[in-house]
Amino acid sequence: MEKFAVPKRNMILVCAGLAVIVLGYAMMAGGGSSDPSVFNPEIFSARRITVAPLLIIIGFAMEVAAIMSKPKKK
């Protein structure tokens, strides 16, 4: 039986990081207006300006940590 190149723990961390990145992009979406002449101040909410980009950065940091972490020896 061949061993997979990436341990199970690292793959779980990669999937968790990807989920955090997708959540960040989902939080950043929306806030537009169907009428281009109407301004919607919701595009400048703290969720879109601060929280979502921080989640994306944390997700990418999780990806790097998942790739770089060494597997535990038995």
N, C-alpha and C. Protein backbone atom coordinates (compact mmCIF):
# COMPACT_ATOMS: atom_id res chain seq x y z
N MET A 1 0.84 -1.18 0.00
CA MET A 1 0.00 0.00 0.00
C MET A 1 0.89 1.24 0.00
N GLU A 2 0.63 2.14 -0.92
CA GLU A 2 1.44 3.35 -1.03
C GLU A 2 0.94 4.41 -0.05
N LYS A 3 1.90 5.16 0.49
CA LYS A 3 1.52 6.26 1.39
C LYS A 3 1.30 7.52 0.57
N PHE A 4 0.34 8.29 1.00
CA PHE A 4 0.06 9.57 0.35
C PHE A 4 1.16 10.56 0.72
N ALA A 5 1.51 11.46 -0.18
CA ALA A 5 2.63 12.38 0.04
C ALA A 5 2.34 13.38 1.17
N VAL A 6 1.07 13.70 1.37
CA VAL A 6 0.70 14.68 2.39
C VAL A 6 -0.07 13.96 3.49
N PRO A 7 0.35 14.11 4.74
CA PRO A 7 -0.35 13.42 5.84
C PRO A 7 -1.79 13.92 6.01
N LYS A 8 -2.60 13.12 6.67
CA LYS A 8 -4.01 13.43 6.87
C LYS A 8 -4.20 14.74 7.64
N ARG A 9 -3.37 14.95 8.67
CA ARG A 9 -3.47 16.18 9.48
C ARG A 9 -3.24 17.42 8.61
N ASN A 10 -2.25 17.36 7.72
CA ASN A 10 -1.96 18.50 6.86
C ASN A 10 -3.10 18.75 5.87
N MET A 11 -3.70 17.68 5.35
CA MET A 11 -4.81 17.86 4.43
C MET A 11 -6.02 18.47 5.11
N ILE A 12 -6.25 18.12 6.36
CA ILE A 12 -7.34 18.73 7.11
C ILE A 12 -7.08 20.22 7.30
N LEU A 13 -5.83 20.58 7.61
CA LEU A 13 -5.48 21.99 7.76
C LEU A 13 -5.61 22.74 6.44
N VAL A 14 -5.24 22.11 5.34
CA VAL A 14 -5.39 22.75 4.02
C VAL A 14 -6.86 23.00 3.73
N CYS A 15 -7.70 22.02 4.00
CA CYS A 15 -9.15 22.19 3.76
C CYS A 15 -9.75 23.25 4.67
N ALA A 16 -9.29 23.31 5.92
CA ALA A 16 -9.78 24.34 6.84
C ALA A 16 -9.35 25.73 6.37
N GLY A 17 -8.12 25.86 5.91
CA GLY A 17 -7.65 27.14 5.39
C GLY A 17 -8.43 27.57 4.16
N LEU A 18 -8.72 26.62 3.30
CA LEU A 18 -9.51 26.92 2.11
C LEU A 18 -10.92 27.37 2.48
N ALA A 19 -11.50 26.73 3.49
CA ALA A 19 -12.83 27.12 3.95
C ALA A 19 -12.83 28.54 4.52
N VAL A 20 -11.78 28.91 5.24
CA VAL A 20 -11.68 30.26 5.80
C VAL A 20 -11.53 31.29 4.68
N ILE A 21 -10.76 30.96 3.65
CA ILE A 21 -10.60 31.88 2.51
C ILE A 21 -11.93 32.07 1.80
N VAL A 22 -12.65 30.99 1.55
CA VAL A 22 -13.95 31.09 0.87
C VAL A 22 -14.93 31.89 1.72
N LEU A 23 -14.90 31.68 3.04
CA LEU A 23 -15.77 32.46 3.93
C LEU A 23 -15.44 33.95 3.85
N GLY A 24 -14.16 34.28 3.81
CA GLY A 24 -13.76 35.68 3.71
C GLY A 24 -14.25 36.33 2.42
N TYR A 25 -14.10 35.61 1.30
CA TYR A 25 -14.59 36.16 0.03
C TYR A 25 -16.12 36.26 0.03
N ALA A 26 -16.80 35.32 0.63
CA ALA A 26 -18.26 35.38 0.69
C ALA A 26 -18.72 36.58 1.53
N MET A 27 -17.99 36.86 2.62
CA MET A 27 -18.35 38.02 3.45
C MET A 27 -18.09 39.33 2.73
N MET A 28 -17.15 39.34 1.80
CA MET A 28 -16.82 40.55 1.08
C MET A 28 -17.82 40.84 -0.05
N ALA A 29 -18.54 39.83 -0.49
CA ALA A 29 -19.44 39.97 -1.63
C ALA A 29 -20.71 40.74 -1.25
N GLY A 30 -21.38 41.26 -2.26
CA GLY A 30 -22.67 41.92 -2.07
C GLY A 30 -22.52 43.40 -1.75
N GLY A 31 -23.62 44.00 -1.37
CA GLY A 31 -23.62 45.41 -0.99
C GLY A 31 -23.80 46.36 -2.15
N GLY A 32 -23.97 45.82 -3.33
CA GLY A 32 -24.16 46.68 -4.49
C GLY A 32 -25.59 47.18 -4.60
N SER A 33 -25.81 47.98 -5.60
CA SER A 33 -27.14 48.51 -5.84
C SER A 33 -27.56 48.14 -7.26
N SER A 34 -28.83 47.83 -7.44
CA SER A 34 -29.30 47.49 -8.78
C SER A 34 -29.39 48.73 -9.66
N ASP A 35 -29.52 49.89 -9.05
CA ASP A 35 -29.57 51.16 -9.78
C ASP A 35 -28.22 51.85 -9.63
N PRO A 36 -27.46 52.06 -10.71
CA PRO A 36 -26.13 52.66 -10.59
C PRO A 36 -26.14 54.11 -10.11
N SER A 37 -27.27 54.79 -10.16
CA SER A 37 -27.31 56.19 -9.71
C SER A 37 -27.59 56.30 -8.21
N VAL A 38 -27.87 55.18 -7.54
CA VAL A 38 -28.16 55.19 -6.11
C VAL A 38 -26.94 54.65 -5.36
N PHE A 39 -26.46 55.43 -4.37
CA PHE A 39 -25.31 55.03 -3.58
C PHE A 39 -25.77 54.18 -2.39
N ASN A 40 -25.09 53.07 -2.19
CA ASN A 40 -25.40 52.18 -1.07
C ASN A 40 -24.22 52.22 -0.09
N PRO A 41 -24.37 52.83 1.08
CA PRO A 41 -23.24 52.92 2.02
C PRO A 41 -22.85 51.59 2.64
N GLU A 42 -23.62 50.53 2.38
CA GLU A 42 -23.33 49.21 2.92
C GLU A 42 -22.01 48.65 2.38
N ILE A 43 -21.52 49.17 1.25
CA ILE A 43 -20.26 48.67 0.71
C ILE A 43 -19.08 49.04 1.59
N PHE A 44 -19.25 50.00 2.48
CA PHE A 44 -18.17 50.42 3.38
C PHE A 44 -18.37 49.91 4.80
N SER A 45 -19.08 48.81 4.97
CA SER A 45 -19.30 48.26 6.31
C SER A 45 -17.99 47.66 6.84
N ALA A 46 -17.89 47.56 8.15
CA ALA A 46 -16.69 47.01 8.79
C ALA A 46 -16.47 45.56 8.39
N ARG A 47 -17.55 44.85 8.13
CA ARG A 47 -17.42 43.45 7.71
C ARG A 47 -16.67 43.34 6.39
N ARG A 48 -16.98 44.22 5.44
CA ARG A 48 -16.35 44.15 4.12
C ARG A 48 -14.96 44.79 4.10
N ILE A 49 -14.75 45.79 4.92
CA ILE A 49 -13.48 46.52 4.89
C ILE A 49 -12.43 45.89 5.80
N THR A 50 -12.84 45.32 6.93
CA THR A 50 -11.88 44.84 7.92
C THR A 50 -11.93 43.34 8.14
N VAL A 51 -13.08 42.82 8.47
CA VAL A 51 -13.19 41.41 8.88
C VAL A 51 -12.90 40.46 7.73
N ALA A 52 -13.49 40.68 6.58
CA ALA A 52 -13.32 39.77 5.45
C ALA A 52 -11.85 39.70 4.98
N PRO A 53 -11.17 40.83 4.78
CA PRO A 53 -9.75 40.73 4.40
C PRO A 53 -8.88 40.04 5.45
N LEU A 54 -9.19 40.26 6.73
CA LEU A 54 -8.43 39.57 7.77
C LEU A 54 -8.65 38.07 7.71
N LEU A 55 -9.88 37.64 7.45
CA LEU A 55 -10.16 36.22 7.32
C LEU A 55 -9.39 35.62 6.14
N ILE A 56 -9.32 36.35 5.05
CA ILE A 56 -8.61 35.86 3.88
C ILE A 56 -7.12 35.72 4.18
N ILE A 57 -6.54 36.70 4.85
CA ILE A 57 -5.12 36.64 5.21
C ILE A 57 -4.87 35.48 6.18
N ILE A 58 -5.75 35.30 7.15
CA ILE A 58 -5.61 34.18 8.10
C ILE A 58 -5.72 32.85 7.35
N GLY A 59 -6.61 32.77 6.39
CA GLY A 59 -6.76 31.54 5.60
C GLY A 59 -5.50 31.22 4.82
N PHE A 60 -4.88 32.23 4.19
CA PHE A 60 -3.64 31.99 3.46
C PHE A 60 -2.50 31.62 4.41
N ALA A 61 -2.48 32.21 5.60
CA ALA A 61 -1.46 31.83 6.59
C ALA A 61 -1.67 30.38 7.04
N MET A 62 -2.92 29.97 7.17
CA MET A 62 -3.21 28.57 7.52
C MET A 62 -2.73 27.63 6.41
N GLU A 63 -2.89 28.04 5.16
CA GLU A 63 -2.43 27.23 4.04
C GLU A 63 -0.92 27.05 4.09
N VAL A 64 -0.20 28.13 4.32
CA VAL A 64 1.26 28.05 4.40
C VAL A 64 1.68 27.16 5.56
N ALA A 65 1.04 27.33 6.71
CA ALA A 65 1.38 26.51 7.87
C ALA A 65 1.06 25.04 7.60
N ALA A 66 -0.02 24.75 6.91
CA ALA A 66 -0.38 23.37 6.62
C ALA A 66 0.62 22.73 5.66
N ILE A 67 1.10 23.49 4.71
CA ILE A 67 2.05 22.95 3.75
C ILE A 67 3.43 22.77 4.39
N MET A 68 3.83 23.70 5.23
CA MET A 68 5.19 23.69 5.77
C MET A 68 5.35 22.82 7.02
N SER A 69 4.26 22.46 7.69
CA SER A 69 4.41 21.70 8.94
C SER A 69 4.85 20.27 8.63
N LYS A 70 5.76 19.79 9.48
CA LYS A 70 6.28 18.43 9.31
C LYS A 70 5.34 17.44 10.00
N PRO A 71 5.22 16.27 9.43
CA PRO A 71 4.39 15.25 10.08
C PRO A 71 5.06 14.75 11.35
N LYS A 72 4.26 14.33 12.31
CA LYS A 72 4.80 13.80 13.56
C LYS A 72 5.33 12.39 13.32
N LYS A 73 6.49 12.13 13.88
CA LYS A 73 7.09 10.80 13.74
C LYS A 73 6.51 9.85 14.79
N LYS A 74 6.35 8.61 14.40
CA LYS A 74 5.79 7.61 15.32
C LYS A 74 6.89 6.87 16.02
